[in-house]
Amino acid sequence: MKIINALCVADRIVDVVAYADHIECVFFPAILPHVRSKLRRLNGGGVFLRRPKRGRKLRPGERQGQVYVIVQPTPSALRYLARQRYLRLGSKTNQPSFSVYRVDIAIDFITETIADATSVGQFLTRRVLHKWHRDRRTNQSGETYYASRAGVPRNLAIYSDRPSKTGLGPCAHLELRFRTLARCRASKLDDLNQLAQGLNAFELLRREVRLAYIDQNAFDRFLEKTACGVKRAGGRYRETDLAEVVATLGRLFAPMIQNAENMPSPGSIEGVRAQDLYDAFKKSRSRFIAIEWEEFSDPPRWVANN
């Protein structure tokens, strides 16, 4: 019943859309002027050179050429860019003139009100598990949640304080971010013709992200089982009462699962993100209950920026 009550927030979603939000390409050694001009015309001007921040160390892929950002690319801009990949001044070449360096795929869960969007965004922030996350800590910048620090090859961003860029109204915005040449190629997101046609965003979402639920009772059982193991191991806690060992573990674990929003009370998981708890204690992972994406949302429809 607790999971069903938590999933009631999904009833506030009235539409789900997906689109390419941000693409970066590295041109070797530089973009040709006529290509840049045509690309800007086809994309409504949302094309600009990304200059590295002062003191920032460039990645190997960036050192070879100019990095151009294409904001919310149109299908016509993507198709034109794909045709130019093995062309230079009208002649075919064996080496590509650019490589896809970064792709951000956005999925917007549209709601009727800002309050509904906030509720959906909070559910996602509390329940998402970014796959292959390793030991990175989640991050918060303003109202935006990040699965990892900036600059990692795979990241996840969630916010609900801004309307959808599609113009459909309030939304909980979930963004899958892929960075570096190797990561875009491995995730099969460097095919610009496929991006122009539209991706199966639901398949990508299921591959990259899970939803999971854990309640206080499950965490209490995890603490008790861990405390029993500590007592069996002997040492200073052998003769200590089990309840005292549980309380001690609660105090020790609280800082390990805190986030930018709150510091939980000892032994409590109130306000704790599933990602932080999942990463902190490997033995607690069996206590999580998986939630399928189909239970939360309909498959998103691909929306092209025209």
C-alpha atoms as a PDB file:
ATOM      1  CA  MET A   1       0.000   0.000   0.000  1.00  0.00           C
ATOM      2  CA  LYS A   2       2.877   2.397   0.683  1.00  0.00           C
ATOM      3  CA  ILE A   3       4.206   1.882  -2.841  1.00  0.00           C
ATOM      4  CA  ILE A   4       0.732   2.354  -4.299  1.00  0.00           C
ATOM      5  CA  ASN A   5       0.321   5.588  -2.337  1.00  0.00           C
ATOM      6  CA  ALA A   6       3.721   6.798  -3.544  1.00  0.00           C
ATOM      7  CA  LEU A   7       2.788   6.016  -7.151  1.00  0.00           C
ATOM      8  CA  CYS A   8      -0.408   8.081  -6.891  1.00  0.00           C
ATOM      9  CA  VAL A   9       1.717  11.048  -7.917  1.00  0.00           C
ATOM     10  CA  ALA A  10       1.847   9.524 -11.401  1.00  0.00           C
ATOM     11  CA  ASP A  11      -1.854  10.340 -11.830  1.00  0.00           C
ATOM     12  CA  ARG A  12      -0.872  14.007 -12.070  1.00  0.00           C
ATOM     13  CA  ILE A  13       1.068  13.432 -15.304  1.00  0.00           C
ATOM     14  CA  VAL A  14      -1.021  14.417 -18.330  1.00  0.00           C
ATOM     15  CA  ASP A  15       1.594  13.954 -21.078  1.00  0.00           C
ATOM     16  CA  VAL A  16       5.141  12.673 -21.539  1.00  0.00           C
ATOM     17  CA  VAL A  17       7.449  14.001 -24.267  1.00  0.00           C
ATOM     18  CA  ALA A  18      11.093  13.461 -25.169  1.00  0.00           C
ATOM     19  CA  TYR A  19      13.492  15.475 -27.304  1.00  0.00           C
ATOM     20  CA  ALA A  20      17.165  16.214 -27.935  1.00  0.00           C
ATOM     21  CA  ASP A  21      17.945  19.159 -25.672  1.00  0.00           C
ATOM     22  CA  HIS A  22      21.634  19.775 -26.208  1.00  0.00           C
ATOM     23  CA  ILE A  23      24.312  18.501 -28.581  1.00  0.00           C
ATOM     24  CA  GLU A  24      28.005  19.357 -28.741  1.00  0.00           C
ATOM     25  CA  CYS A  25      30.279  18.539 -31.680  1.00  0.00           C
ATOM     26  CA  VAL A  26      34.054  18.839 -31.978  1.00  0.00           C
ATOM     27  CA  PHE A  27      35.075  20.102 -35.446  1.00  0.00           C
ATOM     28  CA  PHE A  28      38.553  19.204 -36.683  1.00  0.00           C
ATOM     29  CA  PRO A  29      40.428  21.551 -36.770  1.00  0.00           C
ATOM     30  CA  ALA A  30      37.599  24.131 -37.032  1.00  0.00           C
ATOM     31  CA  ILE A  31      34.096  24.463 -38.434  1.00  0.00           C
ATOM     32  CA  LEU A  32      33.891  25.792 -41.989  1.00  0.00           C
ATOM     33  CA  PRO A  33      32.216  29.232 -42.185  1.00  0.00           C
ATOM     34  CA  HIS A  34      29.536  28.172 -44.687  1.00  0.00           C
ATOM     35  CA  VAL A  35      28.647  25.139 -42.540  1.00  0.00           C
ATOM     36  CA  ARG A  36      28.302  27.325 -39.451  1.00  0.00           C
ATOM     37  CA  SER A  37      26.117  29.859 -41.259  1.00  0.00           C
ATOM     38  CA  LYS A  38      23.822  27.231 -42.759  1.00  0.00           C
ATOM     39  CA  LEU A  39      23.578  25.403 -39.435  1.00  0.00           C
ATOM     40  CA  ARG A  40      22.537  28.592 -37.650  1.00  0.00           C
ATOM     41  CA  ARG A  41      19.859  29.301 -40.252  1.00  0.00           C
ATOM     42  CA  LEU A  42      18.446  25.794 -39.979  1.00  0.00           C
ATOM     43  CA  ASN A  43      18.501  25.848 -36.167  1.00  0.00           C
ATOM     44  CA  GLY A  44      17.155  29.335 -35.564  1.00  0.00           C
ATOM     45  CA  GLY A  45      20.495  30.686 -34.372  1.00  0.00           C
ATOM     46  CA  GLY A  46      20.929  28.254 -31.460  1.00  0.00           C
ATOM     47  CA  VAL A  47      24.499  27.360 -32.443  1.00  0.00           C
ATOM     48  CA  PHE A  48      27.544  28.835 -30.703  1.00  0.00           C
ATOM     49  CA  LEU A  49      31.197  28.153 -29.922  1.00  0.00           C
ATOM     50  CA  ARG A  50      31.849  26.862 -26.416  1.00  0.00           C
ATOM     51  CA  ARG A  51      34.924  28.557 -25.039  1.00  0.00           C
ATOM     52  CA  PRO A  52      36.676  26.651 -22.236  1.00  0.00           C
ATOM     53  CA  LYS A  53      36.567  28.218 -18.795  1.00  0.00           C
ATOM     54  CA  ARG A  54      39.778  29.783 -17.580  1.00  0.00           C
ATOM     55  CA  GLY A  55      41.873  27.260 -15.689  1.00  0.00           C
ATOM     56  CA  ARG A  56      39.791  24.301 -16.889  1.00  0.00           C
ATOM     57  CA  LYS A  57      41.801  21.373 -18.212  1.00  0.00           C
ATOM     58  CA  LEU A  58      40.692  20.386 -21.708  1.00  0.00           C
ATOM     59  CA  ARG A  59      39.746  16.805 -22.466  1.00  0.00           C
ATOM     60  CA  PRO A  60      41.734  15.001 -25.209  1.00  0.00           C
ATOM     61  CA  GLY A  61      38.816  15.221 -27.658  1.00  0.00           C
ATOM     62  CA  GLU A  62      38.488  18.971 -27.146  1.00  0.00           C
ATOM     63  CA  ARG A  63      42.155  19.720 -27.771  1.00  0.00           C
ATOM     64  CA  GLN A  64      41.867  18.663 -31.390  1.00  0.00           C
ATOM     65  CA  GLY A  65      39.384  21.294 -32.549  1.00  0.00           C
ATOM     66  CA  GLN A  66      36.498  23.668 -31.863  1.00  0.00           C
ATOM     67  CA  VAL A  67      33.540  22.587 -29.739  1.00  0.00           C
ATOM     68  CA  TYR A  68      30.199  23.901 -31.031  1.00  0.00           C
ATOM     69  CA  VAL A  69      26.979  23.725 -29.026  1.00  0.00           C
ATOM     70  CA  ILE A  70      23.654  23.112 -30.779  1.00  0.00           C
ATOM     71  CA  VAL A  71      20.728  23.965 -28.498  1.00  0.00           C
ATOM     72  CA  GLN A  72      17.512  22.002 -29.111  1.00  0.00           C
ATOM     73  CA  PRO A  73      18.551  20.951 -32.632  1.00  0.00           C
ATOM     74  CA  THR A  74      15.944  20.847 -35.367  1.00  0.00           C
ATOM     75  CA  PRO A  75      15.679  17.734 -37.583  1.00  0.00           C
ATOM     76  CA  SER A  76      16.767  19.747 -40.622  1.00  0.00           C
ATOM     77  CA  ALA A  77      19.882  20.990 -38.799  1.00  0.00           C
ATOM     78  CA  LEU A  78      20.774  17.456 -37.692  1.00  0.00           C
ATOM     79  CA  ARG A  79      20.318  16.008 -41.187  1.00  0.00           C
ATOM     80  CA  TYR A  80      22.411  18.773 -42.729  1.00  0.00           C
ATOM     81  CA  LEU A  81      25.164  18.222 -40.174  1.00  0.00           C
ATOM     82  CA  ALA A  82      25.078  14.464 -40.820  1.00  0.00           C
ATOM     83  CA  ARG A  83      25.608  15.079 -44.561  1.00  0.00           C
ATOM     84  CA  GLN A  84      28.626  17.290 -43.812  1.00  0.00           C
ATOM     85  CA  ARG A  85      30.350  14.700 -41.654  1.00  0.00           C
ATOM     86  CA  TYR A  86      32.454  13.254 -44.478  1.00  0.00           C
ATOM     87  CA  LEU A  87      32.465  16.330 -46.734  1.00  0.00           C
ATOM     88  CA  ARG A  88      34.991  19.135 -46.942  1.00  0.00           C
ATOM     89  CA  LEU A  89      34.405  21.907 -49.460  1.00  0.00           C
ATOM     90  CA  GLY A  90      32.077  19.634 -51.414  1.00  0.00           C
ATOM     91  CA  SER A  91      34.508  16.697 -51.663  1.00  0.00           C
ATOM     92  CA  LYS A  92      34.194  13.408 -49.809  1.00  0.00           C
ATOM     93  CA  THR A  93      36.829  12.560 -47.214  1.00  0.00           C
ATOM     94  CA  ASN A  94      37.770   9.406 -45.328  1.00  0.00           C
ATOM     95  CA  GLN A  95      38.176  11.203 -42.013  1.00  0.00           C
ATOM     96  CA  PRO A  96      35.121  12.816 -40.362  1.00  0.00           C
ATOM     97  CA  SER A  97      35.181  16.605 -40.126  1.00  0.00           C
ATOM     98  CA  PHE A  98      33.607  16.453 -36.660  1.00  0.00           C
ATOM     99  CA  SER A  99      32.620  14.048 -33.879  1.00  0.00           C
ATOM    100  CA  VAL A 100      29.656  14.116 -31.521  1.00  0.00           C
ATOM    101  CA  TYR A 101      31.030  15.007 -28.102  1.00  0.00           C
ATOM    102  CA  ARG A 102      27.922  15.428 -25.942  1.00  0.00           C
ATOM    103  CA  VAL A 103      24.205  14.565 -26.177  1.00  0.00           C
ATOM    104  CA  ASP A 104      21.492  15.450 -23.652  1.00  0.00           C
ATOM    105  CA  ILE A 105      18.144  13.658 -24.038  1.00  0.00           C
ATOM    106  CA  ALA A 106      15.288  15.290 -22.124  1.00  0.00           C
ATOM    107  CA  ILE A 107      12.091  13.615 -20.945  1.00  0.00           C
ATOM    108  CA  ASP A 108       9.381  15.974 -19.683  1.00  0.00           C
ATOM    109  CA  PHE A 109       6.542  14.695 -17.505  1.00  0.00           C
ATOM    110  CA  ILE A 110       3.895  17.332 -18.232  1.00  0.00           C
ATOM    111  CA  THR A 111       1.410  18.312 -15.512  1.00  0.00           C
ATOM    112  CA  GLU A 112      -1.453  20.786 -15.230  1.00  0.00           C
ATOM    113  CA  THR A 113      -0.020  22.849 -12.367  1.00  0.00           C
ATOM    114  CA  ILE A 114       3.369  23.820 -10.963  1.00  0.00           C
ATOM    115  CA  ALA A 115       2.487  22.109  -7.670  1.00  0.00           C
ATOM    116  CA  ASP A 116       1.858  18.830  -9.522  1.00  0.00           C
ATOM    117  CA  ALA A 117       5.171  19.191 -11.372  1.00  0.00           C
ATOM    118  CA  THR A 118       6.938  19.722  -8.033  1.00  0.00           C
ATOM    119  CA  SER A 119       5.370  16.555  -6.599  1.00  0.00           C
ATOM    120  CA  VAL A 120       6.407  14.488  -9.635  1.00  0.00           C
ATOM    121  CA  GLY A 121       9.922  15.955  -9.506  1.00  0.00           C
ATOM    122  CA  GLN A 122      10.260  15.121  -5.802  1.00  0.00           C
ATOM    123  CA  PHE A 123       9.140  11.548  -6.457  1.00  0.00           C
ATOM    124  CA  LEU A 124      11.765  11.144  -9.192  1.00  0.00           C
ATOM    125  CA  THR A 125      14.512  12.715  -7.081  1.00  0.00           C
ATOM    126  CA  ARG A 126      13.718  10.360  -4.178  1.00  0.00           C
ATOM    127  CA  ARG A 127      13.249   7.173  -6.221  1.00  0.00           C
ATOM    128  CA  VAL A 128      15.632   7.217  -9.215  1.00  0.00           C
ATOM    129  CA  LEU A 129      18.675   4.950  -9.324  1.00  0.00           C
ATOM    130  CA  HIS A 130      21.205   5.866 -11.984  1.00  0.00           C
ATOM    131  CA  LYS A 131      22.683   2.588 -13.222  1.00  0.00           C
ATOM    132  CA  TRP A 132      26.453   1.998 -13.027  1.00  0.00           C
ATOM    133  CA  HIS A 133      26.687   4.894 -10.583  1.00  0.00           C
ATOM    134  CA  ARG A 134      29.636   3.501  -8.625  1.00  0.00           C
ATOM    135  CA  ASP A 135      30.549   5.430  -5.463  1.00  0.00           C
ATOM    136  CA  ARG A 136      29.771   8.953  -6.674  1.00  0.00           C
ATOM    137  CA  ARG A 137      27.680  11.212  -4.446  1.00  0.00           C
ATOM    138  CA  THR A 138      24.539  12.941  -5.653  1.00  0.00           C
ATOM    139  CA  ASN A 139      24.623  16.709  -5.988  1.00  0.00           C
ATOM    140  CA  GLN A 140      22.194  19.613  -5.707  1.00  0.00           C
ATOM    141  CA  SER A 141      22.564  23.026  -7.347  1.00  0.00           C
ATOM    142  CA  GLY A 142      19.652  25.338  -6.639  1.00  0.00           C
ATOM    143  CA  GLU A 143      16.503  23.411  -7.525  1.00  0.00           C
ATOM    144  CA  THR A 144      18.301  20.956  -9.819  1.00  0.00           C
ATOM    145  CA  TYR A 145      19.274  17.459  -8.692  1.00  0.00           C
ATOM    146  CA  TYR A 146      22.290  15.750 -10.282  1.00  0.00           C
ATOM    147  CA  ALA A 147      23.146  12.072  -9.949  1.00  0.00           C
ATOM    148  CA  SER A 148      26.875  12.919  -9.967  1.00  0.00           C
ATOM    149  CA  ARG A 149      29.231  15.870 -10.006  1.00  0.00           C
ATOM    150  CA  ALA A 150      29.655  17.865 -13.215  1.00  0.00           C
ATOM    151  CA  GLY A 151      31.919  16.607 -15.981  1.00  0.00           C
ATOM    152  CA  VAL A 152      31.403  12.840 -15.608  1.00  0.00           C
ATOM    153  CA  PRO A 153      30.736  10.831 -18.820  1.00  0.00           C
ATOM    154  CA  ARG A 154      27.194   9.887 -17.695  1.00  0.00           C
ATOM    155  CA  ASN A 155      24.972  12.075 -15.583  1.00  0.00           C
ATOM    156  CA  LEU A 156      21.337  12.649 -14.729  1.00  0.00           C
ATOM    157  CA  ALA A 157      19.569  15.931 -13.982  1.00  0.00           C
ATOM    158  CA  ILE A 158      16.059  16.513 -12.591  1.00  0.00           C
ATOM    159  CA  TYR A 159      14.231  19.783 -11.973  1.00  0.00           C
ATOM    160  CA  SER A 160      10.616  20.927 -11.824  1.00  0.00           C
ATOM    161  CA  ASP A 161      10.813  24.684 -11.256  1.00  0.00           C
ATOM    162  CA  ARG A 162      10.756  25.594 -14.968  1.00  0.00           C
ATOM    163  CA  PRO A 163       8.164  24.961 -17.703  1.00  0.00           C
ATOM    164  CA  SER A 164       8.791  22.487 -20.488  1.00  0.00           C
ATOM    165  CA  LYS A 165      10.890  23.825 -23.355  1.00  0.00           C
ATOM    166  CA  THR A 166       8.285  22.353 -25.689  1.00  0.00           C
ATOM    167  CA  GLY A 167       5.772  24.959 -24.542  1.00  0.00           C
ATOM    168  CA  LEU A 168       3.394  22.341 -23.128  1.00  0.00           C
ATOM    169  CA  GLY A 169       3.331  23.803 -19.625  1.00  0.00           C
ATOM    170  CA  PRO A 170       4.682  22.825 -16.167  1.00  0.00           C
ATOM    171  CA  CYS A 171       6.750  19.662 -16.049  1.00  0.00           C
ATOM    172  CA  ALA A 172       9.170  17.494 -14.130  1.00  0.00           C
ATOM    173  CA  HIS A 173      12.225  17.537 -16.374  1.00  0.00           C
ATOM    174  CA  LEU A 174      14.495  14.470 -16.412  1.00  0.00           C
ATOM    175  CA  GLU A 175      17.630  14.766 -18.518  1.00  0.00           C
ATOM    176  CA  LEU A 176      20.019  11.970 -19.489  1.00  0.00           C
ATOM    177  CA  ARG A 177      23.457  13.425 -20.195  1.00  0.00           C
ATOM    178  CA  PHE A 178      26.186  11.673 -22.158  1.00  0.00           C
ATOM    179  CA  ARG A 179      29.592  13.287 -22.461  1.00  0.00           C
ATOM    180  CA  THR A 180      32.873  12.420 -24.257  1.00  0.00           C
ATOM    181  CA  LEU A 181      33.335  10.963 -27.718  1.00  0.00           C
ATOM    182  CA  ALA A 182      33.612   7.403 -26.424  1.00  0.00           C
ATOM    183  CA  ARG A 183      30.448   7.587 -24.298  1.00  0.00           C
ATOM    184  CA  CYS A 184      28.301   9.044 -27.092  1.00  0.00           C
ATOM    185  CA  ARG A 185      29.576   6.358 -29.449  1.00  0.00           C
ATOM    186  CA  ALA A 186      29.036   3.550 -26.916  1.00  0.00           C
ATOM    187  CA  SER A 187      25.485   4.746 -26.203  1.00  0.00           C
ATOM    188  CA  LYS A 188      24.789   4.917 -29.972  1.00  0.00           C
ATOM    189  CA  LEU A 189      23.861   8.588 -29.749  1.00  0.00           C
ATOM    190  CA  ASP A 190      26.367   9.839 -32.317  1.00  0.00           C
ATOM    191  CA  ASP A 191      24.032   8.962 -35.222  1.00  0.00           C
ATOM    192  CA  LEU A 192      22.602  12.376 -36.124  1.00  0.00           C
ATOM    193  CA  ASN A 193      20.160  10.979 -38.675  1.00  0.00           C
ATOM    194  CA  GLN A 194      18.679   8.764 -35.966  1.00  0.00           C
ATOM    195  CA  LEU A 195      18.400  11.746 -33.618  1.00  0.00           C
ATOM    196  CA  ALA A 196      16.632  13.699 -36.380  1.00  0.00           C
ATOM    197  CA  GLN A 197      14.187  10.845 -36.896  1.00  0.00           C
ATOM    198  CA  GLY A 198      13.614  10.365 -33.162  1.00  0.00           C
ATOM    199  CA  LEU A 199      14.788   7.885 -30.535  1.00  0.00           C
ATOM    200  CA  ASN A 200      12.954   5.274 -28.538  1.00  0.00           C
ATOM    201  CA  ALA A 201      13.348   7.394 -25.406  1.00  0.00           C
ATOM    202  CA  PHE A 202      11.536   4.885 -23.185  1.00  0.00           C
ATOM    203  CA  GLU A 203      14.032   2.153 -24.066  1.00  0.00           C
ATOM    204  CA  LEU A 204      16.904   4.559 -23.364  1.00  0.00           C
ATOM    205  CA  LEU A 205      15.339   5.543 -20.037  1.00  0.00           C
ATOM    206  CA  ARG A 206      14.872   1.919 -18.937  1.00  0.00           C
ATOM    207  CA  ARG A 207      18.450   1.135 -19.918  1.00  0.00           C
ATOM    208  CA  GLU A 208      19.962   4.023 -17.965  1.00  0.00           C
ATOM    209  CA  VAL A 209      17.693   4.541 -14.943  1.00  0.00           C
ATOM    210  CA  ARG A 210      15.651   2.482 -12.486  1.00  0.00           C
ATOM    211  CA  LEU A 211      12.994   3.391  -9.963  1.00  0.00           C
ATOM    212  CA  ALA A 212      13.174   1.816  -6.512  1.00  0.00           C
ATOM    213  CA  TYR A 213      11.362   2.122  -3.187  1.00  0.00           C
ATOM    214  CA  ILE A 214      12.474   1.400   0.372  1.00  0.00           C
ATOM    215  CA  ASP A 215      10.457   2.230   3.481  1.00  0.00           C
ATOM    216  CA  GLN A 216      11.419   2.808   7.110  1.00  0.00           C
ATOM    217  CA  ASN A 217      10.469  -0.723   8.194  1.00  0.00           C
ATOM    218  CA  ALA A 218      12.839  -2.261   5.643  1.00  0.00           C
ATOM    219  CA  PHE A 219      15.641   0.044   6.768  1.00  0.00           C
ATOM    220  CA  ASP A 220      14.954  -0.835  10.426  1.00  0.00           C
ATOM    221  CA  ARG A 221      15.312  -4.537   9.588  1.00  0.00           C
ATOM    222  CA  PHE A 222      18.589  -3.780   7.797  1.00  0.00           C
ATOM    223  CA  LEU A 223      19.895  -1.930  10.881  1.00  0.00           C
ATOM    224  CA  GLU A 224      18.859  -4.776  13.184  1.00  0.00           C
ATOM    225  CA  LYS A 225      20.461  -7.437  11.000  1.00  0.00           C
ATOM    226  CA  THR A 226      23.662  -5.379  10.777  1.00  0.00           C
ATOM    227  CA  ALA A 227      23.665  -4.916  14.565  1.00  0.00           C
ATOM    228  CA  CYS A 228      23.310  -8.681  15.069  1.00  0.00           C
ATOM    229  CA  GLY A 229      26.337  -9.186  12.838  1.00  0.00           C
ATOM    230  CA  VAL A 230      28.332  -6.670  14.862  1.00  0.00           C
ATOM    231  CA  LYS A 231      27.484  -8.466  18.106  1.00  0.00           C
ATOM    232  CA  ARG A 232      28.414 -11.870  16.658  1.00  0.00           C
ATOM    233  CA  ALA A 233      31.761 -10.482  15.547  1.00  0.00           C
ATOM    234  CA  GLY A 234      32.615  -9.900  19.192  1.00  0.00           C
ATOM    235  CA  GLY A 235      34.777  -7.010  20.316  1.00  0.00           C
ATOM    236  CA  ARG A 236      33.496  -4.090  22.353  1.00  0.00           C
ATOM    237  CA  TYR A 237      29.832  -4.638  21.363  1.00  0.00           C
ATOM    238  CA  ARG A 238      29.568  -8.324  22.335  1.00  0.00           C
ATOM    239  CA  GLU A 239      27.880  -7.634  25.669  1.00  0.00           C
ATOM    240  CA  THR A 240      26.033  -4.487  24.544  1.00  0.00           C
ATOM    241  CA  ASP A 241      22.263  -4.580  24.290  1.00  0.00           C
ATOM    242  CA  LEU A 242      21.013  -5.024  20.716  1.00  0.00           C
ATOM    243  CA  ALA A 243      18.893  -1.851  20.860  1.00  0.00           C
ATOM    244  CA  GLU A 244      21.956   0.181  21.858  1.00  0.00           C
ATOM    245  CA  VAL A 245      23.967  -1.228  18.955  1.00  0.00           C
ATOM    246  CA  VAL A 246      21.125  -0.354  16.571  1.00  0.00           C
ATOM    247  CA  ALA A 247      21.041   3.194  17.936  1.00  0.00           C
ATOM    248  CA  THR A 248      24.825   3.500  17.550  1.00  0.00           C
ATOM    249  CA  LEU A 249      24.668   2.328  13.939  1.00  0.00           C
ATOM    250  CA  GLY A 250      21.876   4.825  13.278  1.00  0.00           C
ATOM    251  CA  ARG A 251      24.088   7.669  14.515  1.00  0.00           C
ATOM    252  CA  LEU A 252      27.029   6.446  12.422  1.00  0.00           C
ATOM    253  CA  PHE A 253      25.000   5.944   9.259  1.00  0.00           C
ATOM    254  CA  ALA A 254      23.122   9.275   9.314  1.00  0.00           C
ATOM    255  CA  PRO A 255      26.010  11.387   7.897  1.00  0.00           C
ATOM    256  CA  MET A 256      26.657   8.751   5.216  1.00  0.00           C
ATOM    257  CA  ILE A 257      23.196   9.124   3.676  1.00  0.00           C
ATOM    258  CA  GLN A 258      22.646  12.858   4.089  1.00  0.00           C
ATOM    259  CA  ASN A 259      22.095  15.064   1.054  1.00  0.00           C
ATOM    260  CA  ALA A 260      22.047  18.764   0.231  1.00  0.00           C
ATOM    261  CA  GLU A 261      18.441  19.039   1.403  1.00  0.00           C
ATOM    262  CA  ASN A 262      18.562  17.478   4.839  1.00  0.00           C
ATOM    263  CA  MET A 263      20.452  15.493   7.442  1.00  0.00           C
ATOM    264  CA  PRO A 264      18.288  12.552   8.553  1.00  0.00           C
ATOM    265  CA  SER A 265      17.708  11.775  12.189  1.00  0.00           C
ATOM    266  CA  PRO A 266      19.704   8.779  13.489  1.00  0.00           C
ATOM    267  CA  GLY A 267      18.059   5.593  12.272  1.00  0.00           C
ATOM    268  CA  SER A 268      15.635   7.450   9.973  1.00  0.00           C
ATOM    269  CA  ILE A 269      15.495   7.627   6.161  1.00  0.00           C
ATOM    270  CA  GLU A 270      13.039  10.535   6.059  1.00  0.00           C
ATOM    271  CA  GLY A 271      14.051  12.728   3.110  1.00  0.00           C
ATOM    272  CA  VAL A 272      16.909  10.420   2.070  1.00  0.00           C
ATOM    273  CA  ARG A 273      17.398   9.814  -1.635  1.00  0.00           C
ATOM    274  CA  ALA A 274      17.289   6.213  -2.791  1.00  0.00           C
ATOM    275  CA  GLN A 275      20.528   6.726  -4.734  1.00  0.00           C
ATOM    276  CA  ASP A 276      22.472   7.802  -1.620  1.00  0.00           C
ATOM    277  CA  LEU A 277      21.147   4.903   0.456  1.00  0.00           C
ATOM    278  CA  TYR A 278      21.725   2.400  -2.351  1.00  0.00           C
ATOM    279  CA  ASP A 279      25.339   3.516  -2.808  1.00  0.00           C
ATOM    280  CA  ALA A 280      26.174   3.775   0.902  1.00  0.00           C
ATOM    281  CA  PHE A 281      25.214   0.244   1.962  1.00  0.00           C
ATOM    282  CA  LYS A 282      25.515  -2.593  -0.529  1.00  0.00           C
ATOM    283  CA  LYS A 283      23.855  -5.002   1.909  1.00  0.00           C
ATOM    284  CA  SER A 284      20.725  -2.824   1.971  1.00  0.00           C
ATOM    285  CA  ARG A 285      20.103  -3.247  -1.760  1.00  0.00           C
ATOM    286  CA  SER A 286      18.093  -6.426  -1.299  1.00  0.00           C
ATOM    287  CA  ARG A 287      15.614  -4.359   0.751  1.00  0.00           C
ATOM    288  CA  PHE A 288      14.726  -2.147  -2.223  1.00  0.00           C
ATOM    289  CA  ILE A 289      11.553  -2.876  -4.169  1.00  0.00           C
ATOM    290  CA  ALA A 290      11.806  -2.236  -7.905  1.00  0.00           C
ATOM    291  CA  ILE A 291       9.201  -0.029  -9.593  1.00  0.00           C
ATOM    292  CA  GLU A 292       8.838  -0.536 -13.318  1.00  0.00           C
ATOM    293  CA  TRP A 293       8.738   2.570 -15.495  1.00  0.00           C
ATOM    294  CA  GLU A 294       5.533   1.279 -17.091  1.00  0.00           C
ATOM    295  CA  GLU A 295       3.868   1.537 -13.662  1.00  0.00           C
ATOM    296  CA  PHE A 296       4.814   5.207 -13.416  1.00  0.00           C
ATOM    297  CA  SER A 297       4.513   6.613 -16.912  1.00  0.00           C
ATOM    298  CA  ASP A 298       3.328   6.034 -20.456  1.00  0.00           C
ATOM    299  CA  PRO A 299       6.043   5.825 -23.129  1.00  0.00           C
ATOM    300  CA  PRO A 300       7.154   9.368 -24.073  1.00  0.00           C
ATOM    301  CA  ARG A 301       6.401  10.620 -27.548  1.00  0.00           C
ATOM    302  CA  TRP A 302       9.292  12.168 -29.447  1.00  0.00           C
ATOM    303  CA  VAL A 303       8.880  15.883 -30.115  1.00  0.00           C
ATOM    304  CA  ALA A 304      11.030  17.585 -32.772  1.00  0.00           C
ATOM    305  CA  ASN A 305      11.977  21.247 -32.460  1.00  0.00           C
ATOM    306  CA  ASN A 306      10.664  22.913 -35.618  1.00  0.00           C
END
